[in-house]
Amino acid sequence: MPLTMNREVFITCAVTGSGGSQDRSPHVPRSPEQIADSAIAAAKAGAAIVHCHVRDPETGAPSRKLEYYREVTERIRAADVDVVLNLTAGMGGDMVFGPTEHPLPTVEGTDMIGASARVQHVAECLPEICTLDCGTMNFAEADYVMTNTPGMLTAMGRMMTALGVKPEIEAFDTGHLWYAKQLVSDGVLEPDALVQLCMGVPWGAPDDLNTFMAMVNNVPDEWTFSAFGLGRNQMAYVAAAVLAGGNVRVGLEDNLWLGKGELAQNWQLVERAGTIIENMGARVIGAAEVREKLGLVKRAPKAV
């Protein structure tokens, strides 16, 4: 299909993620205060959306604690910058199997909970957006499987829609887009869906341009898409996503480096992405325009 470049681009900053990157860079935020501060700095640098996980403040390990999500949410909403909050709902679907001859029972690292528990922090914090990983896949970490069954996705999707929180479909391969379209057809998700194309995450869609365009060509016209490439190709995918008609995601969840031997901070990655977008002749749009585009409702900070 012919490419139509996007001239009005929003940037999402994926602030910290849940991977084991906390000991590889001092800039990966751990505590709720650090995560919120990094998100706020990214917003000031031009990010319209901040995508947040939470971590244990002492170890940096990924966490699902409600109090951490509450603190991050309240700090960001009370900040002197306007930004759209996107909380992960990807935690709680992890299965780590034992040796190949004795895979069951599952071993340390497994974290499987029910649909209501997986969206409990979403129901409490009511972010404008939360993620919905639309499929099951192997990850390149031992025998770890990210598990999202059709029943689980239907249940979680219905809860998100009922809460008035817009799901951001995380598509790691073309089959995930196929199932996301089924969720729309079934009335679980609204027709004007939002999707993030996740490129280069082992063992999902590789980050070559042919695969990327296969993903893009499977996004319905009425949907809004964003995309990112993992690691060294993060900035290349800023340009590729804009050229293909989409929006962009950068941040320390996906890439730790600004250049060879130079560890990045989130705001620096956002700033560089903004420069690329503007040099392509497009405009970086802010939180208010994103809310209008995606039909989001801004939520006020809690009264102190």
C-alpha atoms as a PDB file:
ATOM      1  CA  MET A   1       0.000   0.000   0.000  1.00  0.00           C
ATOM      2  CA  PRO A   2       1.215   3.591  -0.554  1.00  0.00           C
ATOM      3  CA  LEU A   3       2.723   5.249   2.501  1.00  0.00           C
ATOM      4  CA  THR A   4       1.099   8.338   3.966  1.00  0.00           C
ATOM      5  CA  MET A   5       3.453  10.055   6.359  1.00  0.00           C
ATOM      6  CA  ASN A   6       2.023  11.201   9.675  1.00  0.00           C
ATOM      7  CA  ARG A   7       2.361  14.971  10.068  1.00  0.00           C
ATOM      8  CA  GLU A   8       0.908  15.187  13.601  1.00  0.00           C
ATOM      9  CA  VAL A   9       2.900  12.798  15.782  1.00  0.00           C
ATOM     10  CA  PHE A  10       2.678  11.957  19.458  1.00  0.00           C
ATOM     11  CA  ILE A  11       5.557  10.519  21.449  1.00  0.00           C
ATOM     12  CA  THR A  12       5.078   7.872  24.149  1.00  0.00           C
ATOM     13  CA  CYS A  13       7.864   7.434  26.681  1.00  0.00           C
ATOM     14  CA  ALA A  14       8.113   3.915  28.161  1.00  0.00           C
ATOM     15  CA  VAL A  15       9.724   4.960  31.411  1.00  0.00           C
ATOM     16  CA  THR A  16      11.058   1.841  33.147  1.00  0.00           C
ATOM     17  CA  GLY A  17       9.484  -1.448  32.003  1.00  0.00           C
ATOM     18  CA  SER A  18       9.685  -4.760  33.842  1.00  0.00           C
ATOM     19  CA  GLY A  19      12.815  -6.278  32.335  1.00  0.00           C
ATOM     20  CA  GLY A  20      16.058  -6.910  34.189  1.00  0.00           C
ATOM     21  CA  SER A  21      17.602  -3.587  33.157  1.00  0.00           C
ATOM     22  CA  GLN A  22      17.725  -1.987  36.604  1.00  0.00           C
ATOM     23  CA  ASP A  23      21.350  -2.991  37.217  1.00  0.00           C
ATOM     24  CA  ARG A  24      22.557  -2.129  33.703  1.00  0.00           C
ATOM     25  CA  SER A  25      22.019   1.615  33.959  1.00  0.00           C
ATOM     26  CA  PRO A  26      21.811   4.013  36.909  1.00  0.00           C
ATOM     27  CA  HIS A  27      19.179   5.965  34.986  1.00  0.00           C
ATOM     28  CA  VAL A  28      16.531   3.208  35.105  1.00  0.00           C
ATOM     29  CA  PRO A  29      14.120   4.510  37.753  1.00  0.00           C
ATOM     30  CA  ARG A  30      13.126   2.194  40.609  1.00  0.00           C
ATOM     31  CA  SER A  31      11.106   3.959  43.299  1.00  0.00           C
ATOM     32  CA  PRO A  32       7.692   5.515  42.615  1.00  0.00           C
ATOM     33  CA  GLU A  33       9.250   8.947  43.112  1.00  0.00           C
ATOM     34  CA  GLN A  34      12.038   8.219  40.631  1.00  0.00           C
ATOM     35  CA  ILE A  35       9.602   6.772  38.080  1.00  0.00           C
ATOM     36  CA  ALA A  36       7.283   9.772  38.373  1.00  0.00           C
ATOM     37  CA  ASP A  37      10.170  12.257  38.190  1.00  0.00           C
ATOM     38  CA  SER A  38      11.540  10.541  35.082  1.00  0.00           C
ATOM     39  CA  ALA A  39       8.073  10.544  33.493  1.00  0.00           C
ATOM     40  CA  ILE A  40       7.608  14.243  34.271  1.00  0.00           C
ATOM     41  CA  ALA A  41      11.011  15.095  32.766  1.00  0.00           C
ATOM     42  CA  ALA A  42      10.077  13.104  29.653  1.00  0.00           C
ATOM     43  CA  ALA A  43       6.811  15.031  29.384  1.00  0.00           C
ATOM     44  CA  LYS A  44       8.665  18.327  29.635  1.00  0.00           C
ATOM     45  CA  ALA A  45      10.938  17.118  26.816  1.00  0.00           C
ATOM     46  CA  GLY A  46       7.939  16.477  24.562  1.00  0.00           C
ATOM     47  CA  ALA A  47       6.318  13.149  25.469  1.00  0.00           C
ATOM     48  CA  ALA A  48       2.526  13.384  25.303  1.00  0.00           C
ATOM     49  CA  ILE A  49       2.080   9.937  26.896  1.00  0.00           C
ATOM     50  CA  VAL A  50       4.086   8.223  29.648  1.00  0.00           C
ATOM     51  CA  HIS A  51       3.836   4.446  29.903  1.00  0.00           C
ATOM     52  CA  CYS A  52       4.634   3.254  33.423  1.00  0.00           C
ATOM     53  CA  HIS A  53       5.436   0.017  35.192  1.00  0.00           C
ATOM     54  CA  VAL A  54       6.445  -0.030  38.858  1.00  0.00           C
ATOM     55  CA  ARG A  55       9.414  -1.658  40.580  1.00  0.00           C
ATOM     56  CA  ASP A  56      10.541  -2.570  44.075  1.00  0.00           C
ATOM     57  CA  PRO A  57      12.414   0.534  45.260  1.00  0.00           C
ATOM     58  CA  GLU A  58      15.184  -1.510  46.901  1.00  0.00           C
ATOM     59  CA  THR A  59      15.879  -4.272  44.377  1.00  0.00           C
ATOM     60  CA  GLY A  60      14.496  -2.753  41.186  1.00  0.00           C
ATOM     61  CA  ALA A  61      12.583  -5.982  40.517  1.00  0.00           C
ATOM     62  CA  PRO A  62       9.217  -5.628  38.746  1.00  0.00           C
ATOM     63  CA  SER A  63       6.264  -5.219  41.090  1.00  0.00           C
ATOM     64  CA  ARG A  64       2.470  -5.146  41.079  1.00  0.00           C
ATOM     65  CA  LYS A  65       2.003  -3.341  44.411  1.00  0.00           C
ATOM     66  CA  LEU A  66      -0.996  -1.040  44.392  1.00  0.00           C
ATOM     67  CA  GLU A  67       0.642   1.541  46.633  1.00  0.00           C
ATOM     68  CA  TYR A  68       3.456   2.019  44.112  1.00  0.00           C
ATOM     69  CA  TYR A  69       0.962   2.591  41.291  1.00  0.00           C
ATOM     70  CA  ARG A  70      -1.004   5.021  43.461  1.00  0.00           C
ATOM     71  CA  GLU A  71       2.092   7.064  44.268  1.00  0.00           C
ATOM     72  CA  VAL A  72       3.295   7.203  40.660  1.00  0.00           C
ATOM     73  CA  THR A  73      -0.171   8.224  39.475  1.00  0.00           C
ATOM     74  CA  GLU A  74      -0.642  10.949  42.068  1.00  0.00           C
ATOM     75  CA  ARG A  75       2.830  12.407  41.566  1.00  0.00           C
ATOM     76  CA  ILE A  76       2.408  12.616  37.786  1.00  0.00           C
ATOM     77  CA  ARG A  77      -1.069  14.124  38.016  1.00  0.00           C
ATOM     78  CA  ALA A  78       0.115  16.736  40.502  1.00  0.00           C
ATOM     79  CA  ALA A  79       3.041  17.783  38.297  1.00  0.00           C
ATOM     80  CA  ASP A  80       3.334  21.148  36.556  1.00  0.00           C
ATOM     81  CA  VAL A  81       3.170  19.540  33.109  1.00  0.00           C
ATOM     82  CA  ASP A  82       0.239  18.000  31.246  1.00  0.00           C
ATOM     83  CA  VAL A  83       0.740  14.383  30.157  1.00  0.00           C
ATOM     84  CA  VAL A  84      -1.437  11.352  29.384  1.00  0.00           C
ATOM     85  CA  LEU A  85      -0.910   8.470  31.817  1.00  0.00           C
ATOM     86  CA  ASN A  86      -0.644   4.930  30.447  1.00  0.00           C
ATOM     87  CA  LEU A  87      -0.254   2.141  33.038  1.00  0.00           C
ATOM     88  CA  THR A  88       0.793  -1.380  32.150  1.00  0.00           C
ATOM     89  CA  ALA A  89      -1.639  -4.243  32.674  1.00  0.00           C
ATOM     90  CA  GLY A  90       0.843  -6.798  31.414  1.00  0.00           C
ATOM     91  CA  MET A  91       1.943  -8.098  34.804  1.00  0.00           C
ATOM     92  CA  GLY A  92       0.468 -11.286  36.221  1.00  0.00           C
ATOM     93  CA  GLY A  93       0.606 -13.453  33.106  1.00  0.00           C
ATOM     94  CA  ASP A  94       4.092 -14.938  33.462  1.00  0.00           C
ATOM     95  CA  MET A  95       4.784 -18.675  33.309  1.00  0.00           C
ATOM     96  CA  VAL A  96       8.282 -20.092  33.784  1.00  0.00           C
ATOM     97  CA  PHE A  97       8.521 -23.799  33.110  1.00  0.00           C
ATOM     98  CA  GLY A  98      10.850 -26.359  34.635  1.00  0.00           C
ATOM     99  CA  PRO A  99      13.278 -28.625  32.733  1.00  0.00           C
ATOM    100  CA  THR A 100      12.142 -29.944  29.367  1.00  0.00           C
ATOM    101  CA  GLU A 101      11.562 -33.468  30.734  1.00  0.00           C
ATOM    102  CA  HIS A 102       9.665 -32.155  33.772  1.00  0.00           C
ATOM    103  CA  PRO A 103       8.167 -28.758  32.833  1.00  0.00           C
ATOM    104  CA  LEU A 104       5.459 -28.886  35.506  1.00  0.00           C
ATOM    105  CA  PRO A 105       5.039 -27.619  38.101  1.00  0.00           C
ATOM    106  CA  THR A 106       6.174 -24.188  36.997  1.00  0.00           C
ATOM    107  CA  VAL A 107       9.203 -22.726  38.745  1.00  0.00           C
ATOM    108  CA  GLU A 108      10.364 -19.494  40.373  1.00  0.00           C
ATOM    109  CA  GLY A 109       9.418 -16.445  38.365  1.00  0.00           C
ATOM    110  CA  THR A 110       5.904 -17.648  37.567  1.00  0.00           C
ATOM    111  CA  ASP A 111       3.309 -14.986  38.359  1.00  0.00           C
ATOM    112  CA  MET A 112      -0.190 -15.961  37.230  1.00  0.00           C
ATOM    113  CA  ILE A 113      -3.223 -14.140  38.599  1.00  0.00           C
ATOM    114  CA  GLY A 114      -6.825 -13.614  37.542  1.00  0.00           C
ATOM    115  CA  ALA A 115      -8.248 -10.970  35.234  1.00  0.00           C
ATOM    116  CA  SER A 116      -9.661  -8.784  38.014  1.00  0.00           C
ATOM    117  CA  ALA A 117      -6.344  -8.807  39.874  1.00  0.00           C
ATOM    118  CA  ARG A 118      -4.479  -7.884  36.701  1.00  0.00           C
ATOM    119  CA  VAL A 119      -6.558  -4.736  36.276  1.00  0.00           C
ATOM    120  CA  GLN A 120      -7.020  -3.888  39.962  1.00  0.00           C
ATOM    121  CA  HIS A 121      -4.539  -0.997  39.827  1.00  0.00           C
ATOM    122  CA  VAL A 122      -6.211   0.253  36.646  1.00  0.00           C
ATOM    123  CA  ALA A 123      -9.596   0.300  38.376  1.00  0.00           C
ATOM    124  CA  GLU A 124      -8.133   2.158  41.328  1.00  0.00           C
ATOM    125  CA  CYS A 125      -5.879   4.676  39.537  1.00  0.00           C
ATOM    126  CA  LEU A 126      -8.037   5.138  36.398  1.00  0.00           C
ATOM    127  CA  PRO A 127      -5.280   6.094  33.959  1.00  0.00           C
ATOM    128  CA  GLU A 128      -6.409   7.396  30.588  1.00  0.00           C
ATOM    129  CA  ILE A 129      -4.764   4.401  28.851  1.00  0.00           C
ATOM    130  CA  CYS A 130      -3.649   0.932  29.940  1.00  0.00           C
ATOM    131  CA  THR A 131      -1.971  -1.809  27.949  1.00  0.00           C
ATOM    132  CA  LEU A 132      -3.516  -5.056  26.724  1.00  0.00           C
ATOM    133  CA  ASP A 133      -0.953  -7.591  25.449  1.00  0.00           C
ATOM    134  CA  CYS A 134      -2.991  -9.270  22.736  1.00  0.00           C
ATOM    135  CA  GLY A 135      -1.385 -12.691  22.623  1.00  0.00           C
ATOM    136  CA  THR A 136       0.799 -15.363  24.162  1.00  0.00           C
ATOM    137  CA  MET A 137       4.472 -15.641  23.171  1.00  0.00           C
ATOM    138  CA  ASN A 138       7.856 -17.018  24.131  1.00  0.00           C
ATOM    139  CA  PHE A 139      10.358 -14.505  25.491  1.00  0.00           C
ATOM    140  CA  ALA A 140      14.118 -14.916  25.131  1.00  0.00           C
ATOM    141  CA  GLU A 141      14.523 -15.475  28.855  1.00  0.00           C
ATOM    142  CA  ALA A 142      14.924 -19.199  29.646  1.00  0.00           C
ATOM    143  CA  ASP A 143      11.539 -20.936  29.354  1.00  0.00           C
ATOM    144  CA  TYR A 144       9.420 -17.888  30.154  1.00  0.00           C
ATOM    145  CA  VAL A 145       6.089 -17.551  28.358  1.00  0.00           C
ATOM    146  CA  MET A 146       3.962 -14.397  28.393  1.00  0.00           C
ATOM    147  CA  THR A 147       0.487 -15.868  28.736  1.00  0.00           C
ATOM    148  CA  ASN A 148      -2.657 -14.109  27.539  1.00  0.00           C
ATOM    149  CA  THR A 149      -5.422 -16.530  26.628  1.00  0.00           C
ATOM    150  CA  PRO A 150      -8.480 -15.487  24.583  1.00  0.00           C
ATOM    151  CA  GLY A 151     -10.653 -15.776  27.685  1.00  0.00           C
ATOM    152  CA  MET A 152      -8.270 -13.647  29.756  1.00  0.00           C
ATOM    153  CA  LEU A 153      -8.041 -10.972  27.057  1.00  0.00           C
ATOM    154  CA  THR A 154     -11.814 -10.863  26.632  1.00  0.00           C
ATOM    155  CA  ALA A 155     -12.336 -10.481  30.381  1.00  0.00           C
ATOM    156  CA  MET A 156      -9.640  -7.838  30.800  1.00  0.00           C
ATOM    157  CA  GLY A 157     -10.727  -5.947  27.700  1.00  0.00           C
ATOM    158  CA  ARG A 158     -14.337  -5.772  28.901  1.00  0.00           C
ATOM    159  CA  MET A 159     -13.206  -4.486  32.309  1.00  0.00           C
ATOM    160  CA  MET A 160     -11.023  -1.786  30.758  1.00  0.00           C
ATOM    161  CA  THR A 161     -13.794  -0.653  28.428  1.00  0.00           C
ATOM    162  CA  ALA A 162     -16.315  -0.553  31.288  1.00  0.00           C
ATOM    163  CA  LEU A 163     -13.898   1.546  33.371  1.00  0.00           C
ATOM    164  CA  GLY A 164     -13.585   4.122  30.593  1.00  0.00           C
ATOM    165  CA  VAL A 165      -9.857   3.413  30.242  1.00  0.00           C
ATOM    166  CA  LYS A 166      -8.662   3.068  26.650  1.00  0.00           C
ATOM    167  CA  PRO A 167      -6.747  -0.157  26.035  1.00  0.00           C
ATOM    168  CA  GLU A 168      -3.502   0.179  24.121  1.00  0.00           C
ATOM    169  CA  ILE A 169      -3.196  -3.106  22.258  1.00  0.00           C
ATOM    170  CA  GLU A 170       0.374  -4.392  22.447  1.00  0.00           C
ATOM    171  CA  ALA A 171       0.993  -6.365  19.257  1.00  0.00           C
ATOM    172  CA  PHE A 172       4.210  -8.383  19.224  1.00  0.00           C
ATOM    173  CA  ASP A 173       3.334 -10.272  16.042  1.00  0.00           C
ATOM    174  CA  THR A 174       0.756 -10.298  13.243  1.00  0.00           C
ATOM    175  CA  GLY A 175      -1.413 -12.902  15.000  1.00  0.00           C
ATOM    176  CA  HIS A 176      -1.841 -10.510  17.909  1.00  0.00           C
ATOM    177  CA  LEU A 177      -3.348  -7.970  15.514  1.00  0.00           C
ATOM    178  CA  TRP A 178      -5.613 -10.688  14.115  1.00  0.00           C
ATOM    179  CA  TYR A 179      -6.984 -11.427  17.576  1.00  0.00           C
ATOM    180  CA  ALA A 180      -7.268  -7.733  18.468  1.00  0.00           C
ATOM    181  CA  LYS A 181      -9.505  -7.263  15.431  1.00  0.00           C
ATOM    182  CA  GLN A 182     -11.627 -10.128  16.726  1.00  0.00           C
ATOM    183  CA  LEU A 183     -11.972  -8.362  20.086  1.00  0.00           C
ATOM    184  CA  VAL A 184     -13.258  -5.289  18.248  1.00  0.00           C
ATOM    185  CA  SER A 185     -15.623  -7.436  16.168  1.00  0.00           C
ATOM    186  CA  ASP A 186     -16.941  -9.047  19.362  1.00  0.00           C
ATOM    187  CA  GLY A 187     -17.608  -5.642  20.930  1.00  0.00           C
ATOM    188  CA  VAL A 188     -14.991  -6.105  23.651  1.00  0.00           C
ATOM    189  CA  LEU A 189     -12.945  -3.152  22.387  1.00  0.00           C
ATOM    190  CA  GLU A 190     -14.182   0.032  20.728  1.00  0.00           C
ATOM    191  CA  PRO A 191     -13.760   0.321  16.929  1.00  0.00           C
ATOM    192  CA  ASP A 192     -11.331   3.268  17.184  1.00  0.00           C
ATOM    193  CA  ALA A 193      -8.651   1.102  18.747  1.00  0.00           C
ATOM    194  CA  LEU A 194      -5.145   2.157  19.743  1.00  0.00           C
ATOM    195  CA  VAL A 195      -2.288  -0.246  19.009  1.00  0.00           C
ATOM    196  CA  GLN A 196       1.436  -0.340  19.728  1.00  0.00           C
ATOM    197  CA  LEU A 197       3.521  -2.311  17.224  1.00  0.00           C
ATOM    198  CA  CYS A 198       6.352  -3.914  19.212  1.00  0.00           C
ATOM    199  CA  MET A 199       9.269  -4.711  16.918  1.00  0.00           C
ATOM    200  CA  GLY A 200      12.377  -6.727  17.682  1.00  0.00           C
ATOM    201  CA  VAL A 201      11.242  -8.321  20.960  1.00  0.00           C
ATOM    202  CA  PRO A 202      12.505 -11.934  20.938  1.00  0.00           C
ATOM    203  CA  TRP A 203      10.595 -14.046  19.911  1.00  0.00           C
ATOM    204  CA  GLY A 204       7.953 -11.846  18.372  1.00  0.00           C
ATOM    205  CA  ALA A 205       8.083  -9.852  15.153  1.00  0.00           C
ATOM    206  CA  PRO A 206      11.679  -9.149  14.067  1.00  0.00           C
ATOM    207  CA  ASP A 207      12.528  -5.512  13.484  1.00  0.00           C
ATOM    208  CA  ASP A 208      13.137  -5.686   9.743  1.00  0.00           C
ATOM    209  CA  LEU A 209      11.172  -3.298   7.553  1.00  0.00           C
ATOM    210  CA  ASN A 210       9.357  -6.020   5.610  1.00  0.00           C
ATOM    211  CA  THR A 211       7.904  -7.425   8.825  1.00  0.00           C
ATOM    212  CA  PHE A 212       7.152  -3.921  10.080  1.00  0.00           C
ATOM    213  CA  MET A 213       5.157  -3.110   6.956  1.00  0.00           C
ATOM    214  CA  ALA A 214       3.307  -6.418   7.289  1.00  0.00           C
ATOM    215  CA  MET A 215       2.293  -5.250  10.769  1.00  0.00           C
ATOM    216  CA  VAL A 216       1.343  -1.765   9.528  1.00  0.00           C
ATOM    217  CA  ASN A 217      -0.707  -3.212   6.668  1.00  0.00           C
ATOM    218  CA  ASN A 218      -2.705  -5.272   9.181  1.00  0.00           C
ATOM    219  CA  VAL A 219      -3.768  -2.208  11.197  1.00  0.00           C
ATOM    220  CA  PRO A 220      -7.338  -1.143  10.257  1.00  0.00           C
ATOM    221  CA  ASP A 221      -7.684   2.363   8.817  1.00  0.00           C
ATOM    222  CA  GLU A 222      -9.826   3.573  11.722  1.00  0.00           C
ATOM    223  CA  TRP A 223      -7.219   2.576  14.331  1.00  0.00           C
ATOM    224  CA  THR A 224      -4.364   4.734  15.624  1.00  0.00           C
ATOM    225  CA  PHE A 225      -0.971   3.071  15.755  1.00  0.00           C
ATOM    226  CA  SER A 226       2.382   3.724  17.341  1.00  0.00           C
ATOM    227  CA  ALA A 227       5.542   1.675  17.007  1.00  0.00           C
ATOM    228  CA  PHE A 228       8.954   1.082  18.512  1.00  0.00           C
ATOM    229  CA  GLY A 229      12.088  -0.908  17.803  1.00  0.00           C
ATOM    230  CA  LEU A 230      14.034  -2.517  20.615  1.00  0.00           C
ATOM    231  CA  GLY A 231      17.595  -1.546  21.448  1.00  0.00           C
ATOM    232  CA  ARG A 232      19.910   0.002  18.878  1.00  0.00           C
ATOM    233  CA  ASN A 233      17.135   0.471  16.313  1.00  0.00           C
ATOM    234  CA  GLN A 234      14.956   2.611  18.575  1.00  0.00           C
ATOM    235  CA  MET A 235      15.639   5.886  16.757  1.00  0.00           C
ATOM    236  CA  ALA A 236      15.494   4.278  13.313  1.00  0.00           C
ATOM    237  CA  TYR A 237      11.957   3.190  14.161  1.00  0.00           C
ATOM    238  CA  VAL A 238      11.028   6.737  15.117  1.00  0.00           C
ATOM    239  CA  ALA A 239      11.585   7.662  11.472  1.00  0.00           C
ATOM    240  CA  ALA A 240      10.040   4.434  10.140  1.00  0.00           C
ATOM    241  CA  ALA A 241       6.877   4.810  12.213  1.00  0.00           C
ATOM    242  CA  VAL A 242       6.307   8.421  11.156  1.00  0.00           C
ATOM    243  CA  LEU A 243       6.937   7.598   7.483  1.00  0.00           C
ATOM    244  CA  ALA A 244       4.480   4.690   7.694  1.00  0.00           C
ATOM    245  CA  GLY A 245       1.758   6.942   9.119  1.00  0.00           C
ATOM    246  CA  GLY A 246       2.128   6.209  12.812  1.00  0.00           C
ATOM    247  CA  ASN A 247       3.295   7.610  16.119  1.00  0.00           C
ATOM    248  CA  VAL A 248       6.399   6.744  18.117  1.00  0.00           C
ATOM    249  CA  ARG A 249       7.537   5.246  21.392  1.00  0.00           C
ATOM    250  CA  VAL A 250      10.958   5.635  22.984  1.00  0.00           C
ATOM    251  CA  GLY A 251      12.253   5.168  26.525  1.00  0.00           C
ATOM    252  CA  LEU A 252      14.412   3.109  28.846  1.00  0.00           C
ATOM    253  CA  GLU A 253      12.005   0.176  28.797  1.00  0.00           C
ATOM    254  CA  ASP A 254      13.160  -0.510  25.245  1.00  0.00           C
ATOM    255  CA  ASN A 255      16.666   0.955  24.973  1.00  0.00           C
ATOM    256  CA  LEU A 256      19.298   2.132  27.480  1.00  0.00           C
ATOM    257  CA  TRP A 257      21.651   3.955  25.126  1.00  0.00           C
ATOM    258  CA  LEU A 258      21.793   7.426  23.611  1.00  0.00           C
ATOM    259  CA  GLY A 259      24.917   6.583  21.629  1.00  0.00           C
ATOM    260  CA  LYS A 260      27.918   4.287  21.712  1.00  0.00           C
ATOM    261  CA  GLY A 261      29.153   4.168  25.311  1.00  0.00           C
ATOM    262  CA  GLU A 262      26.619   6.803  26.431  1.00  0.00           C
ATOM    263  CA  LEU A 263      23.779   5.725  28.700  1.00  0.00           C
ATOM    264  CA  ALA A 264      20.547   7.626  28.129  1.00  0.00           C
ATOM    265  CA  GLN A 265      17.970   9.255  30.340  1.00  0.00           C
ATOM    266  CA  ASN A 266      14.327   9.137  29.310  1.00  0.00           C
ATOM    267  CA  TRP A 267      14.069  12.856  28.578  1.00  0.00           C
ATOM    268  CA  GLN A 268      17.089  12.636  26.254  1.00  0.00           C
ATOM    269  CA  LEU A 269      15.497   9.852  24.217  1.00  0.00           C
ATOM    270  CA  VAL A 270      12.285  11.869  23.934  1.00  0.00           C
ATOM    271  CA  GLU A 271      14.190  14.989  22.935  1.00  0.00           C
ATOM    272  CA  ARG A 272      16.091  13.122  20.222  1.00  0.00           C
ATOM    273  CA  ALA A 273      12.887  11.537  18.905  1.00  0.00           C
ATOM    274  CA  GLY A 274      11.297  14.984  18.732  1.00  0.00           C
ATOM    275  CA  THR A 275      14.233  16.296  16.713  1.00  0.00           C
ATOM    276  CA  ILE A 276      13.923  13.410  14.231  1.00  0.00           C
ATOM    277  CA  ILE A 277      10.176  13.981  13.860  1.00  0.00           C
ATOM    278  CA  GLU A 278      10.540  17.715  13.290  1.00  0.00           C
ATOM    279  CA  ASN A 279      13.425  17.228  10.849  1.00  0.00           C
ATOM    280  CA  MET A 280      11.106  15.013   8.811  1.00  0.00           C
ATOM    281  CA  GLY A 281       8.709  17.938   8.498  1.00  0.00           C
ATOM    282  CA  ALA A 282       6.152  16.667  11.038  1.00  0.00           C
ATOM    283  CA  ARG A 283       4.935  18.264  14.250  1.00  0.00           C
ATOM    284  CA  VAL A 284       5.089  16.784  17.752  1.00  0.00           C
ATOM    285  CA  ILE A 285       1.676  17.105  19.390  1.00  0.00           C
ATOM    286  CA  GLY A 286       0.958  17.395  23.101  1.00  0.00           C
ATOM    287  CA  ALA A 287      -1.286  15.756  25.649  1.00  0.00           C
ATOM    288  CA  ALA A 288      -4.383  17.893  24.985  1.00  0.00           C
ATOM    289  CA  GLU A 289      -4.316  17.087  21.265  1.00  0.00           C
ATOM    290  CA  VAL A 290      -3.788  13.389  22.010  1.00  0.00           C
ATOM    291  CA  ARG A 291      -6.835  13.361  24.277  1.00  0.00           C
ATOM    292  CA  GLU A 292      -8.923  14.919  21.528  1.00  0.00           C
ATOM    293  CA  LYS A 293      -7.558  12.499  18.929  1.00  0.00           C
ATOM    294  CA  LEU A 294      -8.098   9.375  21.047  1.00  0.00           C
ATOM    295  CA  GLY A 295     -11.247  10.421  22.916  1.00  0.00           C
ATOM    296  CA  LEU A 296      -9.606  10.430  26.348  1.00  0.00           C
ATOM    297  CA  VAL A 297     -10.850  12.148  29.498  1.00  0.00           C
ATOM    298  CA  LYS A 298      -8.298  13.929  31.679  1.00  0.00           C
ATOM    299  CA  ARG A 299      -8.527  12.972  35.348  1.00  0.00           C
ATOM    300  CA  ALA A 300      -7.723  15.469  38.052  1.00  0.00           C
ATOM    301  CA  PRO A 301      -5.194  14.809  40.831  1.00  0.00           C
ATOM    302  CA  LYS A 302      -6.598  13.798  44.206  1.00  0.00           C
ATOM    303  CA  ALA A 303      -7.240  16.666  46.586  1.00  0.00           C
ATOM    304  CA  VAL A 304      -4.669  16.859  49.369  1.00  0.00           C
END
